N, C-alpha and C. Protein backbone atom coordinates (compact mmCIF):
# COMPACT_ATOMS: atom_id res chain seq x y z
N SER A 1 0.68 -0.97 -0.10
CA SER A 1 -0.01 0.16 0.14
C SER A 1 0.69 1.22 -0.17
N VAL A 2 0.16 2.51 0.06
CA VAL A 2 1.03 3.72 -0.51
C VAL A 2 1.38 3.96 0.99
N PHE A 3 0.92 3.31 1.91
CA PHE A 3 1.20 3.58 3.62
C PHE A 3 2.67 3.02 3.78
N ALA A 4 2.53 1.90 3.75
CA ALA A 4 3.68 1.18 4.05
C ALA A 4 4.96 1.31 3.33
N LEU A 5 4.46 1.78 2.00
CA LEU A 5 6.05 2.09 0.79
C LEU A 5 6.49 3.98 1.46
N GLU A 6 5.83 4.34 2.45
CA GLU A 6 5.99 5.99 2.94
C GLU A 6 6.47 5.40 4.02
N ILE A 7 6.36 4.37 4.89
CA ILE A 7 7.02 3.83 6.00
C ILE A 7 8.16 3.23 5.76
N LYS A 8 8.54 2.59 4.87
CA LYS A 8 9.56 1.89 4.36
C LYS A 8 10.76 3.24 3.63
N LYS A 9 10.26 4.04 3.28
CA LYS A 9 10.89 5.15 2.60
C LYS A 9 11.64 5.95 3.87
N ARG A 10 10.63 6.62 4.92
CA ARG A 10 10.89 7.28 6.14
C ARG A 10 11.95 6.19 6.76
N LYS A 11 12.15 5.23 6.79
CA LYS A 11 12.82 4.03 7.50
C LYS A 11 12.31 4.00 8.99
N ILE A 12 11.15 4.09 8.80
CA ILE A 12 10.28 3.63 10.22
C ILE A 12 9.95 2.22 10.70
N PRO A 13 10.68 1.83 12.12
CA PRO A 13 10.45 0.42 12.73
C PRO A 13 9.25 -0.07 12.33
N ILE A 14 9.59 -1.13 11.74
CA ILE A 14 7.73 -1.87 11.85
C ILE A 14 7.72 -2.91 12.76
N VAL A 15 6.97 -3.46 13.76
CA VAL A 15 6.93 -4.34 14.95
C VAL A 15 5.85 -4.82 14.36
N LEU A 16 5.79 -5.91 14.58
CA LEU A 16 4.59 -7.51 14.29
C LEU A 16 4.43 -7.70 15.64
N GLN A 17 2.90 -7.59 15.71
CA GLN A 17 2.76 -8.41 16.50
C GLN A 17 1.53 -9.37 16.30
N PRO A 18 2.27 -10.78 16.89
CA PRO A 18 1.42 -11.70 16.39
C PRO A 18 0.21 -11.97 17.07
N GLN A 19 -0.20 -10.97 18.29
CA GLN A 19 -1.34 -11.68 18.97
C GLN A 19 -2.31 -10.29 18.91
N ALA A 20 -2.09 -9.42 17.71
CA ALA A 20 -2.94 -8.06 17.72
C ALA A 20 -4.41 -8.75 17.45
N TYR A 21 -5.24 -8.19 18.33
CA TYR A 21 -7.02 -7.66 17.67
C TYR A 21 -6.97 -6.58 16.88
N VAL A 22 -7.92 -7.07 16.18
CA VAL A 22 -8.54 -5.93 14.92
C VAL A 22 -9.90 -6.24 15.29
N LEU A 23 -10.70 -5.20 15.21
CA LEU A 23 -12.11 -5.04 15.46
C LEU A 23 -12.68 -4.21 13.93
N TRP A 24 -13.48 -5.03 13.27
CA TRP A 24 -13.89 -4.64 12.05
C TRP A 24 -15.34 -4.25 12.12
N GLY A 25 -15.92 -2.75 12.02
CA GLY A 25 -17.45 -2.59 12.16
C GLY A 25 -17.96 -2.67 10.79
N ARG A 26 -18.96 -3.70 10.33
CA ARG A 26 -19.55 -3.67 9.27
C ARG A 26 -20.65 -2.62 9.09
N HIS A 27 -20.45 -2.27 8.07
CA HIS A 27 -21.95 -1.00 7.25
C HIS A 27 -23.25 -1.64 7.84
N GLU A 28 -24.28 -0.79 8.04
CA GLU A 28 -25.56 -1.37 8.14
C GLU A 28 -26.42 -0.40 7.45
N THR A 29 -25.88 0.21 6.47
CA THR A 29 -26.71 0.91 5.58
C THR A 29 -26.48 0.42 4.16
N PHE A 30 -27.60 0.58 3.14
CA PHE A 30 -26.58 0.13 1.90
C PHE A 30 -25.72 1.02 1.19
N ASP A 31 -25.78 2.43 1.75
CA ASP A 31 -24.74 3.61 1.30
C ASP A 31 -23.80 3.63 1.58
N GLY A 32 -23.53 3.21 2.99
CA GLY A 32 -22.46 2.61 3.84
C GLY A 32 -21.67 1.54 2.69
N TYR A 33 -22.25 0.36 2.58
CA TYR A 33 -21.52 -0.93 1.53
C TYR A 33 -20.89 -0.19 0.49
N LYS A 34 -21.73 0.82 -0.49
CA LYS A 34 -21.53 1.07 -1.57
C LYS A 34 -20.29 2.40 -1.61
N LYS A 35 -20.25 3.01 -0.28
CA LYS A 35 -18.98 3.62 -0.11
C LYS A 35 -18.04 3.36 -0.27
N GLU A 36 -18.07 2.24 0.74
CA GLU A 36 -16.68 1.22 1.07
C GLU A 36 -16.26 0.75 -0.29
N SER A 37 -17.45 0.05 -1.02
CA SER A 37 -16.66 -0.78 -2.38
C SER A 37 -15.95 0.23 -3.21
N PHE A 38 -16.67 1.76 -3.21
CA PHE A 38 -15.95 2.54 -3.95
C PHE A 38 -14.46 2.51 -3.70
N ARG A 39 -14.51 2.94 -2.31
CA ARG A 39 -13.15 3.29 -1.74
C ARG A 39 -12.78 2.27 -1.89
N TYR A 40 -12.48 1.10 -1.87
CA TYR A 40 -11.51 0.06 -1.91
C TYR A 40 -11.21 0.27 -3.86
N GLY A 41 -12.34 0.34 -4.17
CA GLY A 41 -11.80 0.25 -6.09
C GLY A 41 -10.91 1.49 -6.16
N LEU A 42 -11.10 2.56 -5.81
CA LEU A 42 -10.22 3.86 -5.90
C LEU A 42 -9.04 3.59 -5.50
N GLY A 43 -8.87 2.85 -4.08
CA GLY A 43 -7.56 2.79 -3.77
C GLY A 43 -6.56 1.68 -4.79
N ASP A 44 -7.53 0.54 -5.31
CA ASP A 44 -6.96 -0.30 -6.04
C ASP A 44 -6.46 0.46 -7.46
N GLY A 45 -7.27 1.40 -7.40
CA GLY A 45 -7.33 1.89 -8.76
C GLY A 45 -5.98 2.66 -8.93
N GLU A 46 -5.90 3.36 -7.84
CA GLU A 46 -4.31 4.32 -7.59
C GLU A 46 -3.26 3.46 -7.52
N ASN A 47 -2.99 2.13 -6.77
CA ASN A 47 -2.30 1.30 -6.60
C ASN A 47 -1.82 0.95 -8.44
N GLY A 48 -2.39 0.53 -9.07
CA GLY A 48 -2.31 0.21 -10.35
C GLY A 48 -1.26 -1.53 -10.41
N ASP A 49 -1.83 -2.14 -9.33
CA ASP A 49 -0.99 -3.55 -9.45
C ASP A 49 -2.14 -4.46 -10.38
N TYR A 50 -1.34 -5.41 -11.18
CA TYR A 50 -1.95 -5.89 -12.17
C TYR A 50 -2.85 -6.62 -11.99
N ARG A 51 -2.69 -7.48 -10.60
CA ARG A 51 -3.61 -8.63 -10.38
C ARG A 51 -4.85 -7.79 -10.38
N ASN A 52 -5.19 -6.74 -9.67
CA ASN A 52 -6.47 -5.58 -9.71
C ASN A 52 -6.91 -5.47 -11.25
N LYS A 53 -6.03 -5.34 -12.02
CA LYS A 53 -6.44 -5.06 -13.34
C LYS A 53 -7.57 -6.28 -13.53
N ARG A 54 -6.88 -7.32 -13.80
CA ARG A 54 -7.19 -8.99 -13.87
C ARG A 54 -8.53 -8.85 -13.20
N ASN A 55 -8.74 -8.59 -11.95
CA ASN A 55 -9.99 -8.65 -11.46
C ASN A 55 -10.95 -7.68 -11.92
N VAL A 56 -10.54 -6.61 -12.36
CA VAL A 56 -11.23 -5.32 -12.47
C VAL A 56 -11.84 -6.20 -13.97
N ILE A 57 -10.85 -6.39 -14.92
CA ILE A 57 -11.63 -6.95 -16.06
C ILE A 57 -12.67 -7.77 -16.12
N SER A 58 -12.21 -8.91 -15.47
CA SER A 58 -13.18 -10.26 -15.13
C SER A 58 -14.58 -9.59 -14.71
N ASN A 59 -14.35 -8.90 -13.75
CA ASN A 59 -15.68 -8.27 -12.87
C ASN A 59 -16.70 -7.52 -13.75
N ALA A 60 -15.76 -6.63 -14.22
CA ALA A 60 -16.69 -5.78 -15.60
C ALA A 60 -17.25 -6.54 -16.75
N ILE A 61 -16.26 -7.48 -17.09
CA ILE A 61 -17.20 -8.14 -18.23
C ILE A 61 -18.08 -8.77 -17.51
N GLU A 62 -18.24 -9.62 -16.54
CA GLU A 62 -19.49 -10.63 -16.01
C GLU A 62 -20.47 -9.30 -15.31
N THR A 63 -20.34 -8.53 -15.34
CA THR A 63 -21.27 -7.52 -14.70
C THR A 63 -22.11 -6.81 -15.92
N PHE A 64 -21.19 -6.47 -17.16
CA PHE A 64 -22.02 -5.97 -18.30
C PHE A 64 -23.10 -7.00 -18.88
N VAL A 65 -22.13 -8.31 -19.17
CA VAL A 65 -22.28 -9.47 -19.34
C VAL A 65 -24.01 -9.57 -18.92
N ARG A 66 -24.28 -9.61 -17.54
CA ARG A 66 -25.53 -9.97 -16.95
C ARG A 66 -26.37 -8.69 -17.30
N ILE A 67 -25.95 -7.42 -16.87
CA ILE A 67 -26.80 -6.33 -17.44
C ILE A 67 -27.40 -6.49 -19.17
N PHE A 68 -26.46 -7.01 -19.86
CA PHE A 68 -27.15 -7.14 -21.74
C PHE A 68 -27.81 -8.06 -21.12
N LEU A 69 -27.67 -9.49 -20.73
CA LEU A 69 -28.58 -10.31 -21.06
C LEU A 69 -30.34 -10.09 -20.01
N VAL A 70 -30.35 -8.94 -18.83
CA VAL A 70 -31.51 -8.72 -18.38
C VAL A 70 -32.42 -8.07 -19.17
N ALA A 71 -31.18 -6.83 -20.25
CA ALA A 71 -32.32 -6.33 -20.86
C ALA A 71 -32.19 -7.27 -22.38
N TYR A 72 -31.78 -8.40 -22.50
CA TYR A 72 -32.00 -9.09 -23.64
C TYR A 72 -33.25 -10.26 -23.70
N LEU A 73 -33.06 -10.63 -22.72
CA LEU A 73 -34.11 -12.00 -22.28
C LEU A 73 -35.35 -11.73 -22.32
N PRO A 74 -35.91 -10.45 -21.67
CA PRO A 74 -37.47 -9.76 -22.47
C PRO A 74 -38.15 -10.11 -23.55
N VAL A 75 -36.87 -9.65 -24.12
CA VAL A 75 -37.11 -9.75 -26.07
C VAL A 75 -37.36 -11.03 -26.35
N PHE A 76 -35.98 -12.13 -25.93
CA PHE A 76 -36.09 -13.22 -26.21
C PHE A 76 -37.48 -13.47 -25.96
N ILE A 77 -37.95 -13.71 -24.76
CA ILE A 77 -39.53 -14.11 -24.62
C ILE A 77 -40.32 -13.96 -24.63
N PHE A 78 -40.39 -12.37 -25.29
CA PHE A 78 -41.55 -12.46 -25.58
C PHE A 78 -41.89 -11.94 -27.34
N ILE A 79 -40.32 -11.52 -28.02
CA ILE A 79 -40.76 -11.82 -29.34
C ILE A 79 -40.29 -13.16 -30.41
N GLY A 80 -39.20 -13.76 -29.59
CA GLY A 80 -38.75 -15.07 -29.83
C GLY A 80 -38.58 -14.89 -31.64
N THR A 81 -37.64 -15.97 -32.05
CA THR A 81 -37.29 -15.83 -33.29
C THR A 81 -36.65 -17.65 -33.74
N ASN A 82 -36.88 -17.57 -35.09
CA ASN A 82 -36.13 -18.73 -35.22
C ASN A 82 -34.32 -18.72 -35.74
N GLY A 83 -33.71 -17.52 -36.00
CA GLY A 83 -32.77 -17.24 -36.29
C GLY A 83 -31.60 -17.66 -35.09
N VAL A 84 -30.50 -18.29 -35.20
CA VAL A 84 -29.74 -19.27 -34.42
C VAL A 84 -29.09 -17.80 -33.95
N TRP A 85 -28.92 -16.55 -34.12
CA TRP A 85 -27.64 -15.78 -33.71
C TRP A 85 -28.49 -15.15 -32.66
N PHE A 86 -29.95 -14.84 -32.66
CA PHE A 86 -31.16 -14.59 -31.91
C PHE A 86 -30.67 -15.55 -30.43
N TYR A 87 -30.54 -16.87 -30.41
CA TYR A 87 -30.18 -17.54 -29.30
C TYR A 87 -28.82 -17.40 -28.84
N ALA A 88 -27.98 -17.01 -29.46
CA ALA A 88 -26.58 -16.91 -29.35
C ALA A 88 -26.17 -16.11 -27.87
N PRO A 89 -26.80 -15.40 -27.56
CA PRO A 89 -26.45 -14.88 -26.25
C PRO A 89 -26.64 -15.80 -25.03
N ILE A 90 -27.40 -16.50 -25.43
CA ILE A 90 -27.66 -17.58 -23.98
C ILE A 90 -26.45 -18.50 -23.54
N LEU A 91 -25.31 -18.33 -25.02
CA LEU A 91 -24.24 -19.28 -24.43
C LEU A 91 -23.74 -18.53 -23.24
N LEU A 92 -24.11 -16.93 -23.07
CA LEU A 92 -23.20 -16.25 -22.09
C LEU A 92 -23.74 -16.05 -20.73
N LEU A 93 -25.19 -16.82 -20.65
CA LEU A 93 -25.35 -17.39 -19.27
C LEU A 93 -24.69 -17.54 -18.48
N PRO A 94 -23.82 -18.91 -18.60
CA PRO A 94 -22.99 -19.27 -17.42
C PRO A 94 -22.00 -18.31 -17.10
N LEU A 95 -21.60 -17.65 -17.87
CA LEU A 95 -20.57 -16.10 -17.22
C LEU A 95 -21.61 -15.45 -16.56
N ALA A 96 -22.53 -15.01 -16.85
CA ALA A 96 -23.55 -14.34 -15.92
C ALA A 96 -24.06 -14.59 -15.05
N LEU A 97 -24.44 -16.15 -14.83
CA LEU A 97 -24.67 -16.45 -13.42
C LEU A 97 -23.66 -16.81 -12.26
N ARG A 98 -22.35 -16.70 -13.03
CA ARG A 98 -21.40 -16.95 -12.19
C ARG A 98 -21.09 -16.51 -10.53
N SER A 99 -21.79 -15.27 -10.59
CA SER A 99 -21.44 -14.61 -9.12
C SER A 99 -23.11 -14.55 -8.70
N PRO A 100 -24.30 -14.87 -9.13
CA PRO A 100 -25.29 -14.88 -7.97
C PRO A 100 -25.26 -16.38 -7.79
N LEU A 101 -24.74 -17.18 -8.40
CA LEU A 101 -24.46 -18.65 -7.84
C LEU A 101 -23.72 -18.79 -6.79
N ARG A 102 -22.82 -18.01 -6.58
CA ARG A 102 -21.37 -18.17 -5.57
C ARG A 102 -22.54 -17.37 -4.42
N VAL A 103 -23.32 -16.39 -5.07
CA VAL A 103 -24.11 -15.86 -3.54
C VAL A 103 -24.99 -16.97 -3.19
N LEU A 104 -25.57 -17.85 -4.13
CA LEU A 104 -26.75 -18.72 -3.48
C LEU A 104 -25.80 -19.60 -2.42
N ARG A 105 -24.89 -20.44 -3.09
CA ARG A 105 -23.80 -21.21 -1.88
C ARG A 105 -23.75 -20.38 -0.66
N ASN A 106 -23.02 -19.11 -1.05
CA ASN A 106 -23.22 -19.02 0.47
C ASN A 106 -24.25 -18.94 1.46
N TRP A 107 -25.49 -18.52 0.64
CA TRP A 107 -26.35 -18.40 1.30
C TRP A 107 -27.30 -19.61 2.19
N PHE A 108 -27.04 -20.76 1.27
CA PHE A 108 -27.48 -22.02 1.64
C PHE A 108 -26.36 -22.37 2.97
N GLY A 109 -24.99 -21.46 3.41
CA GLY A 109 -24.34 -21.95 4.58
C GLY A 109 -25.31 -21.28 5.54
N LEU A 110 -25.63 -20.33 5.42
CA LEU A 110 -26.20 -19.42 6.82
C LEU A 110 -27.47 -19.95 7.52
N LYS A 111 -27.86 -20.09 8.64
CA LYS A 111 -28.59 -20.26 9.14
C LYS A 111 -30.18 -19.41 9.13
N SER A 112 -30.18 -18.38 8.56
CA SER A 112 -31.05 -17.65 8.15
C SER A 112 -31.33 -18.25 6.66
N VAL A 113 -32.79 -18.67 6.39
CA VAL A 113 -32.88 -19.03 5.11
C VAL A 113 -34.18 -17.95 3.94
N SER A 114 -33.57 -17.16 4.25
CA SER A 114 -35.01 -16.18 4.17
C SER A 114 -34.68 -15.61 2.36
N PHE A 115 -35.43 -15.78 1.91
CA PHE A 115 -35.59 -15.71 0.52
C PHE A 115 -35.20 -14.34 -0.15
N LEU A 116 -35.99 -12.91 1.11
CA LEU A 116 -35.44 -11.85 1.01
C LEU A 116 -34.06 -11.73 1.09
N HIS A 117 -33.40 -12.03 2.13
CA HIS A 117 -32.48 -12.07 2.09
C HIS A 117 -31.16 -12.54 0.89
N LEU A 118 -31.90 -13.41 0.21
CA LEU A 118 -30.87 -14.22 -0.93
C LEU A 118 -31.04 -13.09 -2.09
N ALA A 119 -32.62 -12.70 -2.35
CA ALA A 119 -32.60 -11.56 -3.24
C ALA A 119 -31.70 -10.31 -3.07
N TYR A 120 -32.08 -9.87 -1.81
CA TYR A 120 -30.98 -8.57 -1.75
C TYR A 120 -29.90 -9.01 -1.75
N ALA A 121 -28.86 -10.19 -1.41
CA ALA A 121 -27.70 -10.34 -1.50
C ALA A 121 -27.26 -9.98 -2.73
N ILE A 122 -28.01 -10.82 -3.91
CA ILE A 122 -27.66 -10.66 -5.25
C ILE A 122 -27.65 -9.42 -5.70
N PHE A 123 -28.68 -8.93 -5.53
CA PHE A 123 -28.53 -7.58 -6.08
C PHE A 123 -27.73 -6.34 -5.07
N LEU A 124 -27.17 -6.40 -4.26
CA LEU A 124 -26.12 -5.76 -3.29
C LEU A 124 -24.57 -6.56 -4.61
N ASP A 125 -24.78 -7.60 -4.08
CA ASP A 125 -23.57 -7.96 -4.90
C ASP A 125 -23.13 -7.25 -6.26
N ASP A 126 -24.08 -7.20 -7.26
CA ASP A 126 -23.91 -6.52 -8.83
C ASP A 126 -23.57 -4.87 -8.20
N ILE A 127 -24.47 -4.28 -7.32
CA ILE A 127 -24.42 -2.98 -7.13
C ILE A 127 -22.66 -2.47 -6.74
N LEU A 128 -22.10 -3.53 -5.68
CA LEU A 128 -21.09 -3.30 -4.92
C LEU A 128 -19.96 -3.51 -6.33
N LYS A 129 -20.32 -4.25 -6.99
CA LYS A 129 -19.16 -4.75 -8.07
C LYS A 129 -19.22 -3.21 -8.84
N PHE A 130 -20.51 -2.83 -9.33
CA PHE A 130 -20.49 -2.00 -9.90
C PHE A 130 -19.59 -0.39 -9.22
N SER A 131 -20.31 -0.31 -8.13
CA SER A 131 -19.62 0.75 -7.03
C SER A 131 -18.06 0.58 -7.36
N TYR A 132 -17.77 -0.33 -7.26
CA TYR A 132 -15.99 -0.85 -6.93
C TYR A 132 -15.75 -0.49 -8.26
N LEU A 133 -15.87 -0.51 -9.23
CA LEU A 133 -15.59 -0.40 -10.76
C LEU A 133 -15.57 1.25 -11.06
N LEU A 134 -16.19 1.87 -10.46
CA LEU A 134 -16.79 3.06 -10.90
C LEU A 134 -15.43 3.65 -9.90
N GLY A 135 -15.28 3.20 -8.73
CA GLY A 135 -13.96 3.55 -8.11
C GLY A 135 -12.67 3.44 -8.65
N TYR A 136 -12.60 2.21 -9.22
CA TYR A 136 -11.20 1.71 -10.06
C TYR A 136 -10.98 2.86 -10.81
N LEU A 137 -12.09 2.99 -11.83
CA LEU A 137 -11.52 3.89 -13.07
C LEU A 137 -11.24 5.12 -12.56
N LYS A 138 -11.90 5.67 -11.33
CA LYS A 138 -11.37 7.33 -11.15
C LYS A 138 -9.92 6.85 -10.36
N GLY A 139 -9.87 5.81 -9.72
CA GLY A 139 -8.22 5.73 -9.17
C GLY A 139 -7.33 5.67 -10.10
N ILE A 140 -7.77 5.00 -11.35
CA ILE A 140 -6.48 4.67 -12.39
C ILE A 140 -6.51 6.19 -13.14
N SER A 141 -7.53 6.90 -13.02
CA SER A 141 -7.54 8.10 -14.10
C SER A 141 -6.67 9.36 -13.41
N LYS A 142 -6.52 9.24 -11.89
CA LYS A 142 -5.45 10.50 -11.37
C LYS A 142 -4.48 10.55 -11.99
């Protein structure tokens, strides 16, 4: 991180504490989660690490494919056609469903089985990815 690099540059001694306790406060609001995700993206964009770029590209493709399919599937269902190219986007479904299926798998591991929580988690996952991408783009443009 920028902070760690600055500490090394100033030759400040670093002490490791193997029994350190760190408390993490979780956000309780939708906007709090969005802001946190944006700030993580912003920091990763400013950092410019290749691993982050690869992850961002993967998440961007997945998110935009899902947006495309959500807009495309109603046309597919209501209009229909016999042309093979009309059905070709269905091949993108495995990519588009990767993230919601991961959320579903995690949801099954919870003690609470509220479908409302599942729907909110899938929605929140997409919003947070999009917020992260916006932060990342702002970070790399600095």
